[in-house]
C-alpha cells in the first residue's frame, strides 16, 4: 500500500511538471522552432490566408515544414487534404518538397 501511495505522489508531480512546468511548452507546440513567413514571428495560414503570430494558433509539421493555422477548423481542413492547400496560387503559400 505504501508503494502505491508513492507511485501516486510521483505520478502527480510528473503530471504537474509536464502540464505547468518545462514540459508545458512541448505539449502546446512551443518547441523552440524557427518558422517561415513574411515577418519575424508572423506566418500565413495556408487554408484561409490570415496572418498568424508564432505564439498564437496551431502548428502542424508536414513534410518537414511547419505551418501555422489561425484556428482548429483550418488545421482540420489542412489535415484532411494538405495538398489542396499547398499548391502554389500566386501568393506566398508554396508546397513543401
PDB file of N, CA and C in Angstrom:
ATOM      1  N   UNK A   1       0.817  -1.191   0.000  1.00  0.00           N
ATOM      2  CA  UNK A   1       0.000   0.000   0.000  1.00  0.00           C
ATOM      3  C   UNK A   1       0.864   1.259   0.000  1.00  0.00           C
ATOM      4  N   UNK A   2       1.981   1.207   0.718  1.00  0.00           N
ATOM      5  CA  UNK A   2       2.879   2.364   0.765  1.00  0.00           C
ATOM      6  C   UNK A   2       3.499   2.617  -0.613  1.00  0.00           C
ATOM      7  N   UNK A   3       3.801   1.554  -1.343  1.00  0.00           N
ATOM      8  CA  UNK A   3       4.350   1.700  -2.693  1.00  0.00           C
ATOM      9  C   UNK A   3       3.364   2.375  -3.630  1.00  0.00           C
ATOM     10  N   UNK A   4       2.103   2.048  -3.496  1.00  0.00           N
ATOM     11  CA  UNK A   4       1.064   2.667  -4.322  1.00  0.00           C
ATOM     12  C   UNK A   4       0.941   4.157  -4.017  1.00  0.00           C
ATOM     13  N   UNK A   5       1.041   4.517  -2.738  1.00  0.00           N
ATOM     14  CA  UNK A   5       0.967   5.923  -2.350  1.00  0.00           C
ATOM     15  C   UNK A   5       2.119   6.710  -2.976  1.00  0.00           C
ATOM     16  N   UNK A   6       3.332   6.187  -2.909  1.00  0.00           N
ATOM     17  CA  UNK A   6       4.487   6.872  -3.517  1.00  0.00           C
ATOM     18  C   UNK A   6       4.349   6.946  -5.037  1.00  0.00           C
ATOM     19  N   UNK A   7       3.836   5.909  -5.633  1.00  0.00           N
ATOM     20  CA  UNK A   7       3.609   5.915  -7.081  1.00  0.00           C
ATOM     21  C   UNK A   7       2.635   7.030  -7.470  1.00  0.00           C
ATOM     22  N   UNK A   8       1.554   7.182  -6.712  1.00  0.00           N
ATOM     23  CA  UNK A   8       0.579   8.231  -6.994  1.00  0.00           C
ATOM     24  C   UNK A   8       1.161   9.620  -6.767  1.00  0.00           C
ATOM     25  N   UNK A   9       1.947   9.796  -5.733  1.00  0.00           N
ATOM     26  CA  UNK A   9       2.580  11.094  -5.462  1.00  0.00           C
ATOM     27  C   UNK A   9       3.547  11.462  -6.581  1.00  0.00           C
ATOM     28  N   UNK A  10       4.404  10.531  -6.968  1.00  0.00           N
ATOM     29  CA  UNK A  10       5.355  10.807  -8.051  1.00  0.00           C
ATOM     30  C   UNK A  10       4.643  11.016  -9.380  1.00  0.00           C
ATOM     31  N   UNK A  11       3.585  10.256  -9.620  1.00  0.00           N
ATOM     32  CA  UNK A  11       2.800  10.455 -10.840  1.00  0.00           C
ATOM     33  C   UNK A  11       2.167  11.843 -10.874  1.00  0.00           C
ATOM     34  N   UNK A  12       1.661  12.299  -9.746  1.00  0.00           N
ATOM     35  CA  UNK A  12       1.083  13.651  -9.655  1.00  0.00           C
ATOM     36  C   UNK A  12       2.124  14.724  -9.885  1.00  0.00           C
ATOM     37  N   UNK A  13       3.325  14.553  -9.338  1.00  0.00           N
ATOM     38  CA  UNK A  13       4.413  15.515  -9.569  1.00  0.00           C
ATOM     39  C   UNK A  13       4.829  15.528 -11.035  1.00  0.00           C
ATOM     40  N   UNK A  14       4.927  14.370 -11.645  1.00  0.00           N
ATOM     41  CA  UNK A  14       5.281  14.287 -13.063  1.00  0.00           C
ATOM     42  C   UNK A  14       4.223  14.992 -13.912  1.00  0.00           C
ATOM     43  N   UNK A  15       2.951  14.753 -13.617  1.00  0.00           N
ATOM     44  CA  UNK A  15       1.869  15.407 -14.356  1.00  0.00           C
ATOM     45  C   UNK A  15       1.973  16.930 -14.207  1.00  0.00           C
ATOM     46  N   UNK A  16       2.182  17.404 -12.979  1.00  0.00           N
ATOM     47  CA  UNK A  16       2.262  18.850 -12.742  1.00  0.00           C
ATOM     48  C   UNK A  16       3.426  19.470 -13.511  1.00  0.00           C
ATOM     49  N   UNK A  17       4.566  18.808 -13.540  1.00  0.00           N
ATOM     50  CA  UNK A  17       5.725  19.346 -14.273  1.00  0.00           C
ATOM     51  C   UNK A  17       5.469  19.359 -15.770  1.00  0.00           C
ATOM     52  N   UNK A  18       4.849  18.333 -16.308  1.00  0.00           N
ATOM     53  CA  UNK A  18       4.585  18.297 -17.744  1.00  0.00           C
ATOM     54  C   UNK A  18       3.471  19.271 -18.126  1.00  0.00           C
ATOM     55  N   UNK A  19       2.513  19.479 -17.250  1.00  0.00           N
ATOM     56  CA  UNK A  19       1.374  20.351 -17.560  1.00  0.00           C
ATOM     57  C   UNK A  19       1.705  21.823 -17.363  1.00  0.00           C
ATOM     58  N   UNK A  20       2.427  22.142 -16.285  1.00  0.00           N
ATOM     59  CA  UNK A  20       2.662  23.543 -15.949  1.00  0.00           C
ATOM     60  C   UNK A  20       4.135  23.940 -15.969  1.00  0.00           C
ATOM     61  N   UNK A  21       5.024  22.985 -15.984  1.00  0.00           N
ATOM     62  CA  UNK A  21       6.461  23.277 -15.934  1.00  0.00           C
ATOM     63  C   UNK A  21       7.091  23.312 -17.304  1.00  0.00           C
ATOM     64  N   UNK A  22       8.329  22.841 -17.380  1.00  0.00           N
ATOM     65  CA  UNK A  22       9.088  22.919 -18.627  1.00  0.00           C
ATOM     66  C   UNK A  22       8.467  22.068 -19.735  1.00  0.00           C
ATOM     67  N   UNK A  23       7.750  21.030 -19.423  1.00  0.00           N
ATOM     68  CA  UNK A  23       7.120  20.206 -20.446  1.00  0.00           C
ATOM     69  C   UNK A  23       5.901  20.852 -21.079  1.00  0.00           C
ATOM     70  N   UNK A  24       5.363  21.898 -20.458  1.00  0.00           N
ATOM     71  CA  UNK A  24       4.170  22.549 -20.995  1.00  0.00           C
ATOM     72  C   UNK A  24       4.425  23.147 -22.364  1.00  0.00           C
ATOM     73  N   UNK A  25       5.629  23.603 -22.608  1.00  0.00           N
ATOM     74  CA  UNK A  25       5.941  24.188 -23.904  1.00  0.00           C
ATOM     75  C   UNK A  25       5.889  23.147 -25.007  1.00  0.00           C
ATOM     76  N   UNK A  26       6.317  21.948 -24.746  1.00  0.00           N
ATOM     77  CA  UNK A  26       6.262  20.879 -25.740  1.00  0.00           C
ATOM     78  C   UNK A  26       4.827  20.468 -26.022  1.00  0.00           C
ATOM     79  N   UNK A  27       4.000  20.382 -24.992  1.00  0.00           N
ATOM     80  CA  UNK A  27       2.621  19.969 -25.152  1.00  0.00           C
ATOM     81  C   UNK A  27       1.866  20.959 -26.019  1.00  0.00           C
ATOM     82  N   UNK A  28       2.138  22.250 -25.869  1.00  0.00           N
ATOM     83  CA  UNK A  28       1.409  23.280 -26.595  1.00  0.00           C
ATOM     84  C   UNK A  28       2.095  23.699 -27.887  1.00  0.00           C
ATOM     85  N   UNK A  29       3.111  22.945 -28.328  1.00  0.00           N
ATOM     86  CA  UNK A  29       3.707  23.198 -29.619  1.00  0.00           C
ATOM     87  C   UNK A  29       4.780  24.262 -29.649  1.00  0.00           C
ATOM     88  N   UNK A  30       5.352  24.630 -28.517  1.00  0.00           N
ATOM     89  CA  UNK A  30       6.404  25.636 -28.489  1.00  0.00           C
ATOM     90  C   UNK A  30       7.740  24.931 -28.297  1.00  0.00           C
ATOM     91  N   UNK A  31       8.252  24.323 -29.337  1.00  0.00           N
ATOM     92  CA  UNK A  31       9.453  23.517 -29.235  1.00  0.00           C
ATOM     93  C   UNK A  31      10.734  24.237 -29.594  1.00  0.00           C
ATOM     94  N   UNK A  32      10.782  25.546 -29.581  1.00  0.00           N
ATOM     95  CA  UNK A  32      11.989  26.263 -29.919  1.00  0.00           C
ATOM     96  C   UNK A  32      12.281  26.227 -31.408  1.00  0.00           C
ATOM     97  N   UNK A  33      11.278  26.137 -32.233  1.00  0.00           N
ATOM     98  CA  UNK A  33      11.446  26.044 -33.670  1.00  0.00           C
ATOM     99  C   UNK A  33      11.542  27.430 -34.293  1.00  0.00           C
ATOM    100  N   UNK A  34      12.104  27.474 -35.453  1.00  0.00           N
ATOM    101  CA  UNK A  34      12.078  28.705 -36.228  1.00  0.00           C
ATOM    102  C   UNK A  34      11.125  28.475 -37.375  1.00  0.00           C
ATOM    103  N   UNK A  35      10.255  29.414 -37.600  1.00  0.00           N
ATOM    104  CA  UNK A  35       9.227  29.229 -38.603  1.00  0.00           C
ATOM    105  C   UNK A  35       9.597  29.881 -39.915  1.00  0.00           C
ATOM    106  N   UNK A  36       8.671  29.838 -40.837  1.00  0.00           N
ATOM    107  CA  UNK A  36       8.814  30.503 -42.115  1.00  0.00           C
ATOM    108  C   UNK A  36       7.692  31.520 -42.206  1.00  0.00           C
ATOM    109  N   UNK A  37       7.870  32.516 -42.963  1.00  0.00           N
ATOM    110  CA  UNK A  37       6.820  33.503 -43.106  1.00  0.00           C
ATOM    111  C   UNK A  37       7.398  34.826 -43.535  1.00  0.00           C
ATOM    112  N   UNK A  38       6.527  35.798 -43.737  1.00  0.00           N
ATOM    113  CA  UNK A  38       6.963  37.074 -44.258  1.00  0.00           C
ATOM    114  C   UNK A  38       7.615  37.935 -43.199  1.00  0.00           C
ATOM    115  N   UNK A  39       7.135  37.899 -41.959  1.00  0.00           N
ATOM    116  CA  UNK A  39       7.675  38.759 -40.925  1.00  0.00           C
ATOM    117  C   UNK A  39       8.217  37.949 -39.781  1.00  0.00           C
ATOM    118  N   UNK A  40       8.948  38.621 -38.926  1.00  0.00           N
ATOM    119  CA  UNK A  40       9.506  37.959 -37.760  1.00  0.00           C
ATOM    120  C   UNK A  40       8.361  37.593 -36.820  1.00  0.00           C
ATOM    121  N   UNK A  41       8.114  36.321 -36.628  1.00  0.00           N
ATOM    122  CA  UNK A  41       7.070  35.874 -35.724  1.00  0.00           C
ATOM    123  C   UNK A  41       5.685  35.847 -36.329  1.00  0.00           C
ATOM    124  N   UNK A  42       5.555  36.068 -37.620  1.00  0.00           N
ATOM    125  CA  UNK A  42       4.256  36.003 -38.267  1.00  0.00           C
ATOM    126  C   UNK A  42       4.285  34.995 -39.404  1.00  0.00           C
ATOM    127  N   UNK A  43       3.179  34.305 -39.580  1.00  0.00           N
ATOM    128  CA  UNK A  43       3.055  33.283 -40.611  1.00  0.00           C
ATOM    129  C   UNK A  43       1.700  33.427 -41.273  1.00  0.00           C
ATOM    130  N   UNK A  44       1.552  32.875 -42.441  1.00  0.00           N
ATOM    131  CA  UNK A  44       0.282  32.911 -43.152  1.00  0.00           C
ATOM    132  C   UNK A  44      -0.380  31.546 -43.089  1.00  0.00           C
ATOM    133  N   UNK A  45      -1.613  31.534 -42.642  1.00  0.00           N
ATOM    134  CA  UNK A  45      -2.409  30.309 -42.600  1.00  0.00           C
ATOM    135  C   UNK A  45      -2.642  29.857 -44.041  1.00  0.00           C
ATOM    136  N   UNK A  46      -2.180  28.639 -44.419  1.00  0.00           N
ATOM    137  CA  UNK A  46      -2.326  28.200 -45.803  1.00  0.00           C
ATOM    138  C   UNK A  46      -3.769  27.908 -46.212  1.00  0.00           C
ATOM    139  N   UNK A  47      -4.679  27.791 -45.252  1.00  0.00           N
ATOM    140  CA  UNK A  47      -6.067  27.481 -45.575  1.00  0.00           C
ATOM    141  C   UNK A  47      -6.863  28.753 -45.871  1.00  0.00           C
ATOM    142  N   UNK A  48      -6.811  29.738 -44.960  1.00  0.00           N
ATOM    143  CA  UNK A  48      -7.640  30.937 -45.121  1.00  0.00           C
ATOM    144  C   UNK A  48      -6.843  32.186 -45.480  1.00  0.00           C
ATOM    145  N   UNK A  49      -5.515  32.130 -45.355  1.00  0.00           N
ATOM    146  CA  UNK A  49      -4.678  33.265 -45.717  1.00  0.00           C
ATOM    147  C   UNK A  49      -4.485  34.297 -44.619  1.00  0.00           C
ATOM    148  N   UNK A  50      -5.048  34.069 -43.437  1.00  0.00           N
ATOM    149  CA  UNK A  50      -4.878  35.018 -42.333  1.00  0.00           C
ATOM    150  C   UNK A  50      -3.453  35.018 -41.827  1.00  0.00           C
ATOM    151  N   UNK A  51      -3.012  36.141 -41.260  1.00  0.00           N
ATOM    152  CA  UNK A  51      -1.706  36.230 -40.627  1.00  0.00           C
ATOM    153  C   UNK A  51      -1.828  35.682 -39.210  1.00  0.00           C
ATOM    154  N   UNK A  52      -0.901  34.793 -38.841  1.00  0.00           N
ATOM    155  CA  UNK A  52      -0.926  34.149 -37.531  1.00  0.00           C
ATOM    156  C   UNK A  52       0.398  34.407 -36.841  1.00  0.00           C
ATOM    157  N   UNK A  53       0.366  34.928 -35.621  1.00  0.00           N
ATOM    158  CA  UNK A  53       1.583  35.128 -34.833  1.00  0.00           C
ATOM    159  C   UNK A  53       2.135  33.767 -34.429  1.00  0.00           C
ATOM    160  N   UNK A  54       3.458  33.678 -34.310  1.00  0.00           N
ATOM    161  CA  UNK A  54       4.117  32.419 -33.972  1.00  0.00           C
ATOM    162  C   UNK A  54       3.600  31.841 -32.658  1.00  0.00           C
ATOM    163  N   UNK A  55       3.309  32.700 -31.687  1.00  0.00           N
ATOM    164  CA  UNK A  55       2.879  32.215 -30.377  1.00  0.00           C
ATOM    165  C   UNK A  55       1.368  32.040 -30.258  1.00  0.00           C
ATOM    166  N   UNK A  56       0.641  32.164 -31.362  1.00  0.00           N
ATOM    167  CA  UNK A  56      -0.817  32.003 -31.351  1.00  0.00           C
ATOM    168  C   UNK A  56      -1.220  30.883 -32.302  1.00  0.00           C
ATOM    169  N   UNK A  57      -2.454  30.458 -32.222  1.00  0.00           N
ATOM    170  CA  UNK A  57      -2.992  29.486 -33.160  1.00  0.00           C
ATOM    171  C   UNK A  57      -2.435  28.086 -32.977  1.00  0.00           C
ATOM    172  N   UNK A  58      -2.408  27.348 -34.076  1.00  0.00           N
ATOM    173  CA  UNK A  58      -1.997  25.946 -34.073  1.00  0.00           C
ATOM    174  C   UNK A  58      -0.847  25.761 -35.050  1.00  0.00           C
ATOM    175  N   UNK A  59       0.000  24.771 -34.793  1.00  0.00           N
ATOM    176  CA  UNK A  59       1.099  24.450 -35.684  1.00  0.00           C
ATOM    177  C   UNK A  59       1.030  23.000 -36.129  1.00  0.00           C
ATOM    178  N   UNK A  60       1.472  22.741 -37.347  1.00  0.00           N
ATOM    179  CA  UNK A  60       1.476  21.373 -37.891  1.00  0.00           C
ATOM    180  C   UNK A  60       2.675  21.240 -38.808  1.00  0.00           C
ATOM    181  N   UNK A  61       3.479  20.203 -38.603  1.00  0.00           N
ATOM    182  CA  UNK A  61       4.603  19.927 -39.487  1.00  0.00           C
ATOM    183  C   UNK A  61       4.140  18.953 -40.554  1.00  0.00           C
ATOM    184  N   UNK A  62       4.383  19.330 -41.801  1.00  0.00           N
ATOM    185  CA  UNK A  62       4.007  18.490 -42.936  1.00  0.00           C
ATOM    186  C   UNK A  62       5.199  18.433 -43.878  1.00  0.00           C
ATOM    187  N   UNK A  63       5.710  17.237 -44.110  1.00  0.00           N
ATOM    188  CA  UNK A  63       6.869  17.021 -44.983  1.00  0.00           C
ATOM    189  C   UNK A  63       8.041  17.920 -44.613  1.00  0.00           C
ATOM    190  N   UNK A  64       8.289  18.033 -43.301  1.00  0.00           N
ATOM    191  CA  UNK A  64       9.438  18.776 -42.814  1.00  0.00           C
ATOM    192  C   UNK A  64       9.268  20.277 -42.717  1.00  0.00           C
ATOM    193  N   UNK A  65       8.096  20.804 -43.033  1.00  0.00           N
ATOM    194  CA  UNK A  65       7.853  22.238 -42.949  1.00  0.00           C
ATOM    195  C   UNK A  65       6.757  22.501 -41.932  1.00  0.00           C
ATOM    196  N   UNK A  66       6.981  23.490 -41.063  1.00  0.00           N
ATOM    197  CA  UNK A  66       5.997  23.846 -40.052  1.00  0.00           C
ATOM    198  C   UNK A  66       5.043  24.891 -40.609  1.00  0.00           C
ATOM    199  N   UNK A  67       3.752  24.612 -40.534  1.00  0.00           N
ATOM    200  CA  UNK A  67       2.711  25.531 -40.970  1.00  0.00           C
ATOM    201  C   UNK A  67       1.916  25.981 -39.750  1.00  0.00           C
ATOM    202  N   UNK A  68       1.448  27.222 -39.765  1.00  0.00           N
ATOM    203  CA  UNK A  68       0.668  27.778 -38.660  1.00  0.00           C
ATOM    204  C   UNK A  68      -0.761  28.038 -39.130  1.00  0.00           C
ATOM    205  N   UNK A  69      -1.727  27.801 -38.213  1.00  0.00           N
ATOM    206  CA  UNK A  69      -3.142  27.934 -38.524  1.00  0.00           C
ATOM    207  C   UNK A  69      -3.821  28.824 -37.497  1.00  0.00           C
ATOM    208  N   UNK A  70      -4.772  29.633 -37.956  1.00  0.00           N
ATOM    209  CA  UNK A  70      -5.460  30.571 -37.066  1.00  0.00           C
ATOM    210  C   UNK A  70      -6.457  29.877 -36.149  1.00  0.00           C
ATOM    211  N   UNK A  71      -6.970  28.727 -36.563  1.00  0.00           N
ATOM    212  CA  UNK A  71      -7.997  28.050 -35.774  1.00  0.00           C
ATOM    213  C   UNK A  71      -7.901  26.538 -35.951  1.00  0.00           C
ATOM    214  N   UNK A  72      -8.562  25.835 -35.066  1.00  0.00           N
ATOM    215  CA  UNK A  72      -8.613  24.380 -35.158  1.00  0.00           C
ATOM    216  C   UNK A  72      -9.364  23.958 -36.424  1.00  0.00           C
ATOM    217  N   UNK A  73     -10.324  24.740 -36.839  1.00  0.00           N
ATOM    218  CA  UNK A  73     -11.090  24.450 -38.044  1.00  0.00           C
ATOM    219  C   UNK A  73     -10.164  24.440 -39.273  1.00  0.00           C
ATOM    220  N   UNK A  74      -9.287  25.450 -39.379  1.00  0.00           N
ATOM    221  CA  UNK A  74      -8.349  25.493 -40.513  1.00  0.00           C
ATOM    222  C   UNK A  74      -7.363  24.331 -40.447  1.00  0.00           C
ATOM    223  N   UNK A  75      -6.906  23.992 -39.250  1.00  0.00           N
ATOM    224  CA  UNK A  75      -5.993  22.864 -39.090  1.00  0.00           C
ATOM    225  C   UNK A  75      -6.666  21.565 -39.526  1.00  0.00           C
ATOM    226  N   UNK A  76      -7.920  21.368 -39.143  1.00  0.00           N
ATOM    227  CA  UNK A  76      -8.653  20.155 -39.531  1.00  0.00           C
ATOM    228  C   UNK A  76      -8.815  20.066 -41.045  1.00  0.00           C
ATOM    229  N   UNK A  77      -9.116  21.191 -41.691  1.00  0.00           N
ATOM    230  CA  UNK A  77      -9.247  21.204 -43.152  1.00  0.00           C
ATOM    231  C   UNK A  77      -7.917  20.837 -43.803  1.00  0.00           C
ATOM    232  N   UNK A  78      -6.812  21.378 -43.274  1.00  0.00           N
ATOM    233  CA  UNK A  78      -5.491  21.092 -43.813  1.00  0.00           C
ATOM    234  C   UNK A  78      -5.147  19.617 -43.658  1.00  0.00           C
ATOM    235  N   UNK A  79      -5.405  19.065 -42.475  1.00  0.00           N
ATOM    236  CA  UNK A  79      -5.097  17.659 -42.226  1.00  0.00           C
ATOM    237  C   UNK A  79      -5.901  16.731 -43.129  1.00  0.00           C
ATOM    238  N   UNK A  80      -7.105  17.128 -43.507  1.00  0.00           N
ATOM    239  CA  UNK A  80      -7.945  16.300 -44.372  1.00  0.00           C
ATOM    240  C   UNK A  80      -7.379  16.220 -45.788  1.00  0.00           C
ATOM    241  N   UNK A  81      -6.778  17.316 -46.290  1.00  0.00           N
ATOM    242  CA  UNK A  81      -6.248  17.334 -47.655  1.00  0.00           C
ATOM    243  C   UNK A  81      -5.137  18.380 -47.781  1.00  0.00           C
ATOM    244  N   UNK A  82      -3.929  18.074 -47.262  1.00  0.00           N
ATOM    245  CA  UNK A  82      -2.841  19.064 -47.270  1.00  0.00           C
ATOM    246  C   UNK A  82      -2.474  19.559 -48.667  1.00  0.00           C
ATOM    247  N   UNK A  83      -2.467  18.668 -49.648  1.00  0.00           N
ATOM    248  CA  UNK A  83      -2.047  19.064 -50.998  1.00  0.00           C
ATOM    249  C   UNK A  83      -2.973  20.113 -51.612  1.00  0.00           C
ATOM    250  N   UNK A  84      -4.217  20.122 -51.209  1.00  0.00           N
ATOM    251  CA  UNK A  84      -5.167  21.114 -51.721  1.00  0.00           C
ATOM    252  C   UNK A  84      -4.730  22.526 -51.338  1.00  0.00           C
ATOM    253  N   UNK A  85      -4.128  22.677 -50.154  1.00  0.00           N
ATOM    254  CA  UNK A  85      -3.765  23.994 -49.649  1.00  0.00           C
ATOM    255  C   UNK A  85      -2.301  24.352 -49.898  1.00  0.00           C
ATOM    256  N   UNK A  86      -1.507  23.405 -50.365  1.00  0.00           N
ATOM    257  CA  UNK A  86      -0.088  23.671 -50.580  1.00  0.00           C
ATOM    258  C   UNK A  86       0.260  23.929 -52.034  1.00  0.00           C
ATOM    259  N   UNK A  87      -0.711  23.853 -52.930  1.00  0.00           N
ATOM    260  CA  UNK A  87      -0.446  24.139 -54.339  1.00  0.00           C
ATOM    261  C   UNK A  87      -0.221  25.634 -54.507  1.00  0.00           C
ATOM    262  N   UNK A  88       0.778  26.025 -55.291  1.00  0.00           N
ATOM    263  CA  UNK A  88       1.020  27.457 -55.500  1.00  0.00           C
ATOM    264  C   UNK A  88      -0.194  28.132 -56.134  1.00  0.00           C
ATOM    265  N   UNK A  89      -0.586  29.268 -55.552  1.00  0.00           N
ATOM    266  CA  UNK A  89      -1.741  30.003 -56.068  1.00  0.00           C
ATOM    267  C   UNK A  89      -1.372  31.426 -56.455  1.00  0.00           C
ATOM    268  N   UNK A  90      -0.067  31.694 -56.593  1.00  0.00           N
ATOM    269  CA  UNK A  90       0.380  33.031 -56.933  1.00  0.00           C
ATOM    270  C   UNK A  90       0.724  33.858 -55.694  1.00  0.00           C
ATOM    271  N   UNK A  91       0.336  33.374 -54.510  1.00  0.00           N
ATOM    272  CA  UNK A  91       0.657  34.059 -53.261  1.00  0.00           C
ATOM    273  C   UNK A  91       1.947  33.520 -52.685  1.00  0.00           C
ATOM    274  N   UNK A  92       2.136  33.721 -51.377  1.00  0.00           N
ATOM    275  CA  UNK A  92       3.368  33.240 -50.762  1.00  0.00           C
ATOM    276  C   UNK A  92       3.260  31.811 -50.270  1.00  0.00           C
ATOM    277  N   UNK A  93       2.086  31.194 -50.332  1.00  0.00           N
ATOM    278  CA  UNK A  93       1.918  29.818 -49.905  1.00  0.00           C
ATOM    279  C   UNK A  93       2.496  28.916 -50.973  1.00  0.00           C
ATOM    280  N   UNK A  94       3.391  28.032 -50.572  1.00  0.00           N
ATOM    281  CA  UNK A  94       4.007  27.123 -51.527  1.00  0.00           C
ATOM    282  C   UNK A  94       4.082  25.738 -50.987  1.00  0.00           C
ATOM    283  N   UNK A  95       4.344  24.784 -51.829  1.00  0.00           N
ATOM    284  CA  UNK A  95       4.427  23.396 -51.423  1.00  0.00           C
ATOM    285  C   UNK A  95       5.762  23.063 -50.798  1.00  0.00           C
ATOM    286  N   UNK A  96       5.763  22.068 -49.943  1.00  0.00           N
ATOM    287  CA  UNK A  96       6.993  21.580 -49.330  1.00  0.00           C
ATOM    288  C   UNK A  96       7.444  20.331 -50.088  1.00  0.00           C
ATOM    289  N   UNK A  97       8.705  20.202 -50.274  1.00  0.00           N
ATOM    290  CA  UNK A  97       9.184  19.030 -51.003  1.00  0.00           C
ATOM    291  C   UNK A  97       9.485  17.882 -50.101  1.00  0.00           C
TER     292      UNK A  97
END
